[in-house]
């Protein structure tokens, strides 16, 4: 069950986003915003590719090297 505080955070509207957008604009400036957006998009894509690669690795059987007793 979702707690009420987590539900409140999940329901952010335009009234809450305007002050956040203004603060981001003031901190980073209008010229840096497209660069930041591009960097965030690239980071998200790399993260998703990493998750997909991790799933592929888990599906493959792992090869065990040198796994037989014998001469030492």
PDB file of N, CA and C in Angstrom:
ATOM      1  N   UNK A   1       0.840  -1.180   0.000  1.00  0.00           N
ATOM      2  CA  UNK A   1       0.000   0.000   0.000  1.00  0.00           C
ATOM      3  C   UNK A   1       0.884   1.242   0.000  1.00  0.00           C
ATOM      4  N   UNK A   2       0.504   2.230  -0.753  1.00  0.00           N
ATOM      5  CA  UNK A   2       1.280   3.469  -0.865  1.00  0.00           C
ATOM      6  C   UNK A   2       0.871   4.403   0.270  1.00  0.00           C
ATOM      7  N   UNK A   3       1.864   4.938   0.950  1.00  0.00           N
ATOM      8  CA  UNK A   3       1.585   5.888   2.010  1.00  0.00           C
ATOM      9  C   UNK A   3       1.112   7.203   1.415  1.00  0.00           C
ATOM     10  N   UNK A   4       0.412   7.989   2.205  1.00  0.00           N
ATOM     11  CA  UNK A   4      -0.145   9.248   1.698  1.00  0.00           C
ATOM     12  C   UNK A   4       0.952  10.238   1.317  1.00  0.00           C
ATOM     13  N   UNK A   5       2.086  10.240   2.014  1.00  0.00           N
ATOM     14  CA  UNK A   5       3.162  11.176   1.664  1.00  0.00           C
ATOM     15  C   UNK A   5       3.779  10.823   0.315  1.00  0.00           C
ATOM     16  N   UNK A   6       3.946   9.540   0.023  1.00  0.00           N
ATOM     17  CA  UNK A   6       4.486   9.129  -1.272  1.00  0.00           C
ATOM     18  C   UNK A   6       3.492   9.431  -2.381  1.00  0.00           C
ATOM     19  N   UNK A   7       2.214   9.283  -2.104  1.00  0.00           N
ATOM     20  CA  UNK A   7       1.183   9.579  -3.089  1.00  0.00           C
ATOM     21  C   UNK A   7       1.140  11.071  -3.376  1.00  0.00           C
ATOM     22  N   UNK A   8       1.329  11.878  -2.366  1.00  0.00           N
ATOM     23  CA  UNK A   8       1.337  13.328  -2.552  1.00  0.00           C
ATOM     24  C   UNK A   8       2.516  13.753  -3.417  1.00  0.00           C
ATOM     25  N   UNK A   9       3.683  13.154  -3.209  1.00  0.00           N
ATOM     26  CA  UNK A   9       4.850  13.489  -4.012  1.00  0.00           C
ATOM     27  C   UNK A   9       4.673  13.069  -5.462  1.00  0.00           C
ATOM     28  N   UNK A  10       3.932  12.004  -5.694  1.00  0.00           N
ATOM     29  CA  UNK A  10       3.749  11.513  -7.048  1.00  0.00           C
ATOM     30  C   UNK A  10       2.783  12.377  -7.847  1.00  0.00           C
ATOM     31  N   UNK A  11       1.995  13.197  -7.181  1.00  0.00           N
ATOM     32  CA  UNK A  11       0.976  13.988  -7.863  1.00  0.00           C
ATOM     33  C   UNK A  11       1.381  15.458  -7.910  1.00  0.00           C
ATOM     34  N   UNK A  12       2.479  15.744  -8.595  1.00  0.00           N
ATOM     35  CA  UNK A  12       2.954  17.119  -8.729  1.00  0.00           C
ATOM     36  C   UNK A  12       2.251  17.742  -9.928  1.00  0.00           C
ATOM     37  N   UNK A  13       1.681  18.921  -9.722  1.00  0.00           N
ATOM     38  CA  UNK A  13       0.963  19.606 -10.788  1.00  0.00           C
ATOM     39  C   UNK A  13       1.756  20.787 -11.336  1.00  0.00           C
ATOM     40  N   UNK A  14       1.117  21.534 -12.223  1.00  0.00           N
ATOM     41  CA  UNK A  14       1.777  22.692 -12.829  1.00  0.00           C
ATOM     42  C   UNK A  14       2.096  23.772 -11.809  1.00  0.00           C
ATOM     43  N   UNK A  15       1.260  23.917 -10.812  1.00  0.00           N
ATOM     44  CA  UNK A  15       1.521  24.942  -9.792  1.00  0.00           C
ATOM     45  C   UNK A  15       2.825  24.677  -9.046  1.00  0.00           C
ATOM     46  N   UNK A  16       3.184  23.414  -8.900  1.00  0.00           N
ATOM     47  CA  UNK A  16       4.438  23.077  -8.223  1.00  0.00           C
ATOM     48  C   UNK A  16       5.626  23.104  -9.179  1.00  0.00           C
ATOM     49  N   UNK A  17       5.379  22.860 -10.455  1.00  0.00           N
ATOM     50  CA  UNK A  17       6.480  22.800 -11.416  1.00  0.00           C
ATOM     51  C   UNK A  17       7.002  24.183 -11.814  1.00  0.00           C
ATOM     52  N   UNK A  18       6.157  25.201 -11.826  1.00  0.00           N
ATOM     53  CA  UNK A  18       6.605  26.545 -12.225  1.00  0.00           C
ATOM     54  C   UNK A  18       7.752  27.067 -11.361  1.00  0.00           C
ATOM     55  N   UNK A  19       7.647  27.037 -10.039  1.00  0.00           N
ATOM     56  CA  UNK A  19       8.784  27.522  -9.227  1.00  0.00           C
ATOM     57  C   UNK A  19      10.052  26.699  -9.438  1.00  0.00           C
ATOM     58  N   UNK A  20       9.895  25.397  -9.612  1.00  0.00           N
ATOM     59  CA  UNK A  20      11.061  24.544  -9.850  1.00  0.00           C
ATOM     60  C   UNK A  20      11.717  24.930 -11.168  1.00  0.00           C
ATOM     61  N   UNK A  21      10.919  25.139 -12.215  1.00  0.00           N
ATOM     62  CA  UNK A  21      11.452  25.517 -13.525  1.00  0.00           C
ATOM     63  C   UNK A  21      12.165  26.865 -13.463  1.00  0.00           C
ATOM     64  N   UNK A  22      11.624  27.810 -12.717  1.00  0.00           N
ATOM     65  CA  UNK A  22      12.248  29.130 -12.597  1.00  0.00           C
ATOM     66  C   UNK A  22      13.590  29.023 -11.879  1.00  0.00           C
ATOM     67  N   UNK A  23      13.639  28.239 -10.812  1.00  0.00           N
ATOM     68  CA  UNK A  23      14.897  28.067 -10.070  1.00  0.00           C
ATOM     69  C   UNK A  23      15.945  27.406 -10.956  1.00  0.00           C
ATOM     70  N   UNK A  24      15.562  26.387 -11.718  1.00  0.00           N
ATOM     71  CA  UNK A  24      16.508  25.721 -12.621  1.00  0.00           C
ATOM     72  C   UNK A  24      17.006  26.695 -13.678  1.00  0.00           C
ATOM     73  N   UNK A  25      16.106  27.495 -14.215  1.00  0.00           N
ATOM     74  CA  UNK A  25      16.489  28.483 -15.229  1.00  0.00           C
ATOM     75  C   UNK A  25      17.464  29.504 -14.661  1.00  0.00           C
ATOM     76  N   UNK A  26      17.227  29.955 -13.445  1.00  0.00           N
ATOM     77  CA  UNK A  26      18.123  30.939 -12.825  1.00  0.00           C
ATOM     78  C   UNK A  26      19.477  30.316 -12.518  1.00  0.00           C
ATOM     79  N   UNK A  27      19.477  29.085 -12.024  1.00  0.00           N
ATOM     80  CA  UNK A  27      20.739  28.443 -11.650  1.00  0.00           C
ATOM     81  C   UNK A  27      21.613  28.122 -12.856  1.00  0.00           C
ATOM     82  N   UNK A  28      21.015  27.604 -13.920  1.00  0.00           N
ATOM     83  CA  UNK A  28      21.804  27.117 -15.038  1.00  0.00           C
ATOM     84  C   UNK A  28      21.809  28.043 -16.242  1.00  0.00           C
ATOM     85  N   UNK A  29      20.844  28.904 -16.369  1.00  0.00           N
ATOM     86  CA  UNK A  29      20.792  29.811 -17.507  1.00  0.00           C
ATOM     87  C   UNK A  29      20.152  29.161 -18.720  1.00  0.00           C
ATOM     88  N   UNK A  30      19.668  29.994 -19.624  1.00  0.00           N
ATOM     89  CA  UNK A  30      18.939  29.506 -20.791  1.00  0.00           C
ATOM     90  C   UNK A  30      19.852  28.759 -21.764  1.00  0.00           C
ATOM     91  N   UNK A  31      21.111  29.114 -21.827  1.00  0.00           N
ATOM     92  CA  UNK A  31      22.023  28.454 -22.774  1.00  0.00           C
ATOM     93  C   UNK A  31      22.400  27.048 -22.329  1.00  0.00           C
ATOM     94  N   UNK A  32      22.436  26.806 -21.039  1.00  0.00           N
ATOM     95  CA  UNK A  32      22.855  25.502 -20.532  1.00  0.00           C
ATOM     96  C   UNK A  32      21.715  24.493 -20.491  1.00  0.00           C
ATOM     97  N   UNK A  33      20.456  24.936 -20.512  1.00  0.00           N
ATOM     98  CA  UNK A  33      19.335  24.012 -20.384  1.00  0.00           C
ATOM     99  C   UNK A  33      19.291  22.953 -21.488  1.00  0.00           C
ATOM    100  N   UNK A  34      19.481  23.293 -22.770  1.00  0.00           N
ATOM    101  CA  UNK A  34      19.491  22.228 -23.780  1.00  0.00           C
ATOM    102  C   UNK A  34      20.627  21.222 -23.576  1.00  0.00           C
ATOM    103  N   UNK A  35      21.779  21.701 -23.138  1.00  0.00           N
ATOM    104  CA  UNK A  35      22.893  20.795 -22.866  1.00  0.00           C
ATOM    105  C   UNK A  35      22.561  19.862 -21.712  1.00  0.00           C
ATOM    106  N   UNK A  36      21.935  20.404 -20.672  1.00  0.00           N
ATOM    107  CA  UNK A  36      21.544  19.579 -19.532  1.00  0.00           C
ATOM    108  C   UNK A  36      20.507  18.540 -19.937  1.00  0.00           C
ATOM    109  N   UNK A  37      19.531  18.947 -20.737  1.00  0.00           N
ATOM    110  CA  UNK A  37      18.498  18.019 -21.196  1.00  0.00           C
ATOM    111  C   UNK A  37      19.107  16.901 -22.032  1.00  0.00           C
ATOM    112  N   UNK A  38      20.037  17.260 -22.907  1.00  0.00           N
ATOM    113  CA  UNK A  38      20.713  16.256 -23.741  1.00  0.00           C
ATOM    114  C   UNK A  38      21.511  15.286 -22.869  1.00  0.00           C
ATOM    115  N   UNK A  39      22.222  15.813 -21.892  1.00  0.00           N
ATOM    116  CA  UNK A  39      23.025  14.972 -21.004  1.00  0.00           C
ATOM    117  C   UNK A  39      22.130  14.040 -20.182  1.00  0.00           C
ATOM    118  N   UNK A  40      21.005  14.548 -19.702  1.00  0.00           N
ATOM    119  CA  UNK A  40      20.092  13.701 -18.937  1.00  0.00           C
ATOM    120  C   UNK A  40      19.502  12.608 -19.819  1.00  0.00           C
ATOM    121  N   UNK A  41      19.134  12.947 -21.037  1.00  0.00           N
ATOM    122  CA  UNK A  41      18.593  11.951 -21.954  1.00  0.00           C
ATOM    123  C   UNK A  41      19.609  10.865 -22.269  1.00  0.00           C
ATOM    124  N   UNK A  42      20.849  11.271 -22.499  1.00  0.00           N
ATOM    125  CA  UNK A  42      21.914  10.300 -22.769  1.00  0.00           C
ATOM    126  C   UNK A  42      22.150   9.397 -21.561  1.00  0.00           C
ATOM    127  N   UNK A  43      22.116   9.980 -20.380  1.00  0.00           N
ATOM    128  CA  UNK A  43      22.322   9.196 -19.164  1.00  0.00           C
ATOM    129  C   UNK A  43      21.208   8.173 -18.975  1.00  0.00           C
ATOM    130  N   UNK A  44      19.977   8.582 -19.225  1.00  0.00           N
ATOM    131  CA  UNK A  44      18.847   7.663 -19.088  1.00  0.00           C
ATOM    132  C   UNK A  44      18.961   6.531 -20.098  1.00  0.00           C
ATOM    133  N   UNK A  45      19.343   6.857 -21.344  1.00  0.00           N
ATOM    134  CA  UNK A  45      19.501   5.816 -22.362  1.00  0.00           C
ATOM    135  C   UNK A  45      20.609   4.832 -21.987  1.00  0.00           C
ATOM    136  N   UNK A  46      21.728   5.327 -21.484  1.00  0.00           N
ATOM    137  CA  UNK A  46      22.819   4.446 -21.076  1.00  0.00           C
ATOM    138  C   UNK A  46      22.392   3.561 -19.909  1.00  0.00           C
ATOM    139  N   UNK A  47      21.630   4.130 -18.981  1.00  0.00           N
ATOM    140  CA  UNK A  47      21.143   3.368 -17.838  1.00  0.00           C
ATOM    141  C   UNK A  47      20.227   2.239 -18.308  1.00  0.00           C
ATOM    142  N   UNK A  48      19.321   2.545 -19.244  1.00  0.00           N
ATOM    143  CA  UNK A  48      18.412   1.522 -19.767  1.00  0.00           C
ATOM    144  C   UNK A  48      19.186   0.435 -20.510  1.00  0.00           C
ATOM    145  N   UNK A  49      20.186   0.834 -21.305  1.00  0.00           N
ATOM    146  CA  UNK A  49      21.012  -0.156 -22.003  1.00  0.00           C
ATOM    147  C   UNK A  49      21.747  -1.045 -21.012  1.00  0.00           C
ATOM    148  N   UNK A  50      22.222  -0.463 -19.923  1.00  0.00           N
ATOM    149  CA  UNK A  50      22.897  -1.241 -18.891  1.00  0.00           C
ATOM    150  C   UNK A  50      21.955  -2.233 -18.226  1.00  0.00           C
ATOM    151  N   UNK A  51      20.712  -1.814 -17.982  1.00  0.00           N
ATOM    152  CA  UNK A  51      19.737  -2.732 -17.403  1.00  0.00           C
ATOM    153  C   UNK A  51      19.433  -3.878 -18.360  1.00  0.00           C
ATOM    154  N   UNK A  52      19.263  -3.547 -19.637  1.00  0.00           N
ATOM    155  CA  UNK A  52      18.993  -4.588 -20.632  1.00  0.00           C
ATOM    156  C   UNK A  52      20.172  -5.545 -20.753  1.00  0.00           C
ATOM    157  N   UNK A  53      21.385  -5.027 -20.717  1.00  0.00           N
ATOM    158  CA  UNK A  53      22.573  -5.876 -20.805  1.00  0.00           C
ATOM    159  C   UNK A  53      22.658  -6.782 -19.579  1.00  0.00           C
ATOM    160  N   UNK A  54      22.283  -6.269 -18.429  1.00  0.00           N
ATOM    161  CA  UNK A  54      22.284  -7.081 -17.214  1.00  0.00           C
ATOM    162  C   UNK A  54      21.274  -8.205 -17.280  1.00  0.00           C
ATOM    163  N   UNK A  55      20.109  -7.930 -17.883  1.00  0.00           N
ATOM    164  CA  UNK A  55      19.099  -8.974 -18.039  1.00  0.00           C
ATOM    165  C   UNK A  55      19.592 -10.045 -18.998  1.00  0.00           C
ATOM    166  N   UNK A  56      20.255  -9.634 -20.089  1.00  0.00           N
ATOM    167  CA  UNK A  56      20.780 -10.592 -21.048  1.00  0.00           C
ATOM    168  C   UNK A  56      21.840 -11.487 -20.407  1.00  0.00           C
ATOM    169  N   UNK A  57      22.677 -10.903 -19.549  1.00  0.00           N
ATOM    170  CA  UNK A  57      23.722 -11.672 -18.884  1.00  0.00           C
ATOM    171  C   UNK A  57      23.130 -12.697 -17.928  1.00  0.00           C
ATOM    172  N   UNK A  58      22.021 -12.348 -17.275  1.00  0.00           N
ATOM    173  CA  UNK A  58      21.397 -13.267 -16.330  1.00  0.00           C
ATOM    174  C   UNK A  58      20.739 -14.437 -17.043  1.00  0.00           C
ATOM    175  N   UNK A  59      20.257 -14.224 -18.257  1.00  0.00           N
ATOM    176  CA  UNK A  59      19.573 -15.274 -19.001  1.00  0.00           C
ATOM    177  C   UNK A  59      20.534 -16.319 -19.543  1.00  0.00           C
ATOM    178  N   UNK A  60      21.762 -15.934 -19.818  1.00  0.00           N
ATOM    179  CA  UNK A  60      22.738 -16.854 -20.381  1.00  0.00           C
ATOM    180  C   UNK A  60      23.297 -17.760 -19.292  1.00  0.00           C
ATOM    181  N   UNK A  61      23.477 -19.041 -19.596  1.00  0.00           N
ATOM    182  CA  UNK A  61      24.116 -19.910 -18.600  1.00  0.00           C
ATOM    183  C   UNK A  61      25.583 -19.527 -18.450  1.00  0.00           C
ATOM    184  N   UNK A  62      26.051 -19.576 -17.240  1.00  0.00           N
ATOM    185  CA  UNK A  62      27.430 -19.179 -16.978  1.00  0.00           C
ATOM    186  C   UNK A  62      28.357 -20.373 -17.150  1.00  0.00           C
ATOM    187  N   UNK A  63      29.474 -20.103 -17.793  1.00  0.00           N
ATOM    188  CA  UNK A  63      30.469 -21.137 -18.017  1.00  0.00           C
ATOM    189  C   UNK A  63      31.401 -21.172 -16.815  1.00  0.00           C
ATOM    190  N   UNK A  64      31.568 -22.326 -16.266  1.00  0.00           N
ATOM    191  CA  UNK A  64      32.458 -22.483 -15.123  1.00  0.00           C
ATOM    192  C   UNK A  64      33.795 -22.976 -15.646  1.00  0.00           C
ATOM    193  N   UNK A  65      34.845 -22.235 -15.357  1.00  0.00           N
ATOM    194  CA  UNK A  65      36.167 -22.568 -15.843  1.00  0.00           C
ATOM    195  C   UNK A  65      36.911 -23.421 -14.817  1.00  0.00           C
ATOM    196  N   UNK A  66      37.594 -24.409 -15.309  1.00  0.00           N
ATOM    197  CA  UNK A  66      38.454 -25.229 -14.460  1.00  0.00           C
ATOM    198  C   UNK A  66      37.693 -25.951 -13.373  1.00  0.00           C
ATOM    199  N   UNK A  67      36.470 -26.275 -13.615  1.00  0.00           N
ATOM    200  CA  UNK A  67      35.648 -26.859 -12.557  1.00  0.00           C
ATOM    201  C   UNK A  67      35.715 -28.362 -12.518  1.00  0.00           C
ATOM    202  N   UNK A  68      36.797 -28.938 -12.477  1.00  0.00           N
ATOM    203  CA  UNK A  68      36.866 -30.390 -12.286  1.00  0.00           C
ATOM    204  C   UNK A  68      38.082 -30.680 -11.442  1.00  0.00           C
ATOM    205  N   UNK A  69      37.938 -31.520 -10.510  1.00  0.00           N
ATOM    206  CA  UNK A  69      39.093 -31.853  -9.689  1.00  0.00           C
ATOM    207  C   UNK A  69      40.217 -32.342 -10.556  1.00  0.00           C
ATOM    208  N   UNK A  70      41.228 -32.709 -10.024  1.00  0.00           N
ATOM    209  CA  UNK A  70      42.293 -33.221 -10.867  1.00  0.00           C
ATOM    210  C   UNK A  70      43.642 -32.836 -10.340  1.00  0.00           C
ATOM    211  N   UNK A  71      44.569 -32.698 -11.247  1.00  0.00           N
ATOM    212  CA  UNK A  71      45.942 -32.388 -10.870  1.00  0.00           C
ATOM    213  C   UNK A  71      46.055 -30.993 -10.297  1.00  0.00           C
ATOM    214  N   UNK A  72      46.855 -30.881  -9.294  1.00  0.00           N
ATOM    215  CA  UNK A  72      47.109 -29.562  -8.709  1.00  0.00           C
ATOM    216  C   UNK A  72      48.533 -29.156  -8.903  1.00  0.00           C
TER     217      UNK A  72
END
